[in-house]
Amino acid sequence: MPMPIACSAVYPTLAVPNVAQTCEWYVRNLGFTLKFLWEDPPTHGAILLDQACVHFLARRASAE
């Protein structure tokens, strides 16, 4: 019999074309707070609203 799994939180990570602009939009329009931006220009960032945390990763350009 498998062991039960306990999960108290989930942190979705979304691929976006511009991490800084996406974080700014969520902060300005939806009331999130900025948790962090990583690198310059940012390739990874996170925002918070109460107990919710959403991560954004820079979407890689497709090979053509």
C-alpha atoms as a PDB file:
ATOM      1  CA  MET A   1       0.000   0.000   0.000  1.00  0.00           C
ATOM      2  CA  PRO A   2       1.504   3.372  -0.978  1.00  0.00           C
ATOM      3  CA  MET A   3       2.356   5.878   1.717  1.00  0.00           C
ATOM      4  CA  PRO A   4      -0.022   8.871   1.905  1.00  0.00           C
ATOM      5  CA  ILE A   5       1.291  12.095   0.438  1.00  0.00           C
ATOM      6  CA  ALA A   6       0.872  15.373   2.312  1.00  0.00           C
ATOM      7  CA  CYS A   7       0.943  18.607   0.362  1.00  0.00           C
ATOM      8  CA  SER A   8       0.393  21.974   2.028  1.00  0.00           C
ATOM      9  CA  ALA A   9       1.359  24.320  -0.822  1.00  0.00           C
ATOM     10  CA  VAL A  10       1.849  24.476  -4.574  1.00  0.00           C
ATOM     11  CA  TYR A  11       3.988  27.088  -6.331  1.00  0.00           C
ATOM     12  CA  PRO A  12       3.051  27.364 -10.007  1.00  0.00           C
ATOM     13  CA  THR A  13       5.788  28.432 -12.408  1.00  0.00           C
ATOM     14  CA  LEU A  14       4.760  30.091 -15.654  1.00  0.00           C
ATOM     15  CA  ALA A  15       6.912  30.769 -18.711  1.00  0.00           C
ATOM     16  CA  VAL A  16       6.531  34.397 -19.832  1.00  0.00           C
ATOM     17  CA  PRO A  17       8.214  36.571 -22.483  1.00  0.00           C
ATOM     18  CA  ASN A  18       9.276  39.280 -19.993  1.00  0.00           C
ATOM     19  CA  VAL A  19       9.639  38.442 -16.289  1.00  0.00           C
ATOM     20  CA  ALA A  20      10.012  42.039 -15.041  1.00  0.00           C
ATOM     21  CA  GLN A  21       6.991  43.348 -16.970  1.00  0.00           C
ATOM     22  CA  THR A  22       4.853  40.392 -15.881  1.00  0.00           C
ATOM     23  CA  CYS A  23       5.733  40.845 -12.195  1.00  0.00           C
ATOM     24  CA  GLU A  24       5.087  44.585 -12.454  1.00  0.00           C
ATOM     25  CA  TRP A  25       1.647  43.975 -14.013  1.00  0.00           C
ATOM     26  CA  TYR A  26       0.594  41.577 -11.218  1.00  0.00           C
ATOM     27  CA  VAL A  27       1.826  44.007  -8.548  1.00  0.00           C
ATOM     28  CA  ARG A  28       0.190  47.089 -10.097  1.00  0.00           C
ATOM     29  CA  ASN A  29      -3.113  45.554 -11.240  1.00  0.00           C
ATOM     30  CA  LEU A  30      -3.819  42.655  -8.881  1.00  0.00           C
ATOM     31  CA  GLY A  31      -2.198  43.738  -5.612  1.00  0.00           C
ATOM     32  CA  PHE A  32       0.596  41.154  -5.415  1.00  0.00           C
ATOM     33  CA  THR A  33       3.924  42.064  -3.827  1.00  0.00           C
ATOM     34  CA  LEU A  34       7.256  41.360  -5.471  1.00  0.00           C
ATOM     35  CA  LYS A  35       9.211  38.600  -3.744  1.00  0.00           C
ATOM     36  CA  PHE A  36      12.295  38.642  -5.979  1.00  0.00           C
ATOM     37  CA  LEU A  37      13.750  39.137  -9.445  1.00  0.00           C
ATOM     38  CA  TRP A  38      16.819  37.084 -10.370  1.00  0.00           C
ATOM     39  CA  GLU A  39      19.516  38.307 -12.797  1.00  0.00           C
ATOM     40  CA  ASP A  40      19.564  41.469 -14.892  1.00  0.00           C
ATOM     41  CA  PRO A  41      17.520  41.376 -17.033  1.00  0.00           C
ATOM     42  CA  PRO A  42      15.426  39.043 -14.862  1.00  0.00           C
ATOM     43  CA  THR A  43      15.096  35.422 -15.971  1.00  0.00           C
ATOM     44  CA  HIS A  44      13.200  34.314 -12.860  1.00  0.00           C
ATOM     45  CA  GLY A  45      10.895  36.150 -10.488  1.00  0.00           C
ATOM     46  CA  ALA A  46       8.203  35.534  -7.908  1.00  0.00           C
ATOM     47  CA  ILE A  47       5.196  37.431  -6.565  1.00  0.00           C
ATOM     48  CA  LEU A  48       3.119  36.973  -3.404  1.00  0.00           C
ATOM     49  CA  LEU A  49      -0.487  37.546  -2.398  1.00  0.00           C
ATOM     50  CA  ASP A  50      -1.348  36.358   1.109  1.00  0.00           C
ATOM     51  CA  GLN A  51      -0.224  32.694   1.099  1.00  0.00           C
ATOM     52  CA  ALA A  52      -0.143  32.438  -2.707  1.00  0.00           C
ATOM     53  CA  CYS A  53       3.206  32.542  -4.521  1.00  0.00           C
ATOM     54  CA  VAL A  54       3.583  32.473  -8.304  1.00  0.00           C
ATOM     55  CA  HIS A  55       6.920  32.114 -10.093  1.00  0.00           C
ATOM     56  CA  PHE A  56       7.724  33.343 -13.587  1.00  0.00           C
ATOM     57  CA  LEU A  57      10.525  32.081 -15.829  1.00  0.00           C
ATOM     58  CA  ALA A  58      11.737  33.769 -18.980  1.00  0.00           C
ATOM     59  CA  ARG A  59      10.449  31.870 -21.975  1.00  0.00           C
ATOM     60  CA  ARG A  60      13.291  30.813 -24.240  1.00  0.00           C
ATOM     61  CA  ALA A  61      13.196  31.934 -27.848  1.00  0.00           C
ATOM     62  CA  SER A  62      12.247  29.064 -30.125  1.00  0.00           C
ATOM     63  CA  ALA A  63      14.899  27.739 -32.468  1.00  0.00           C
ATOM     64  CA  GLU A  64      14.086  28.499 -36.069  1.00  0.00           C
END
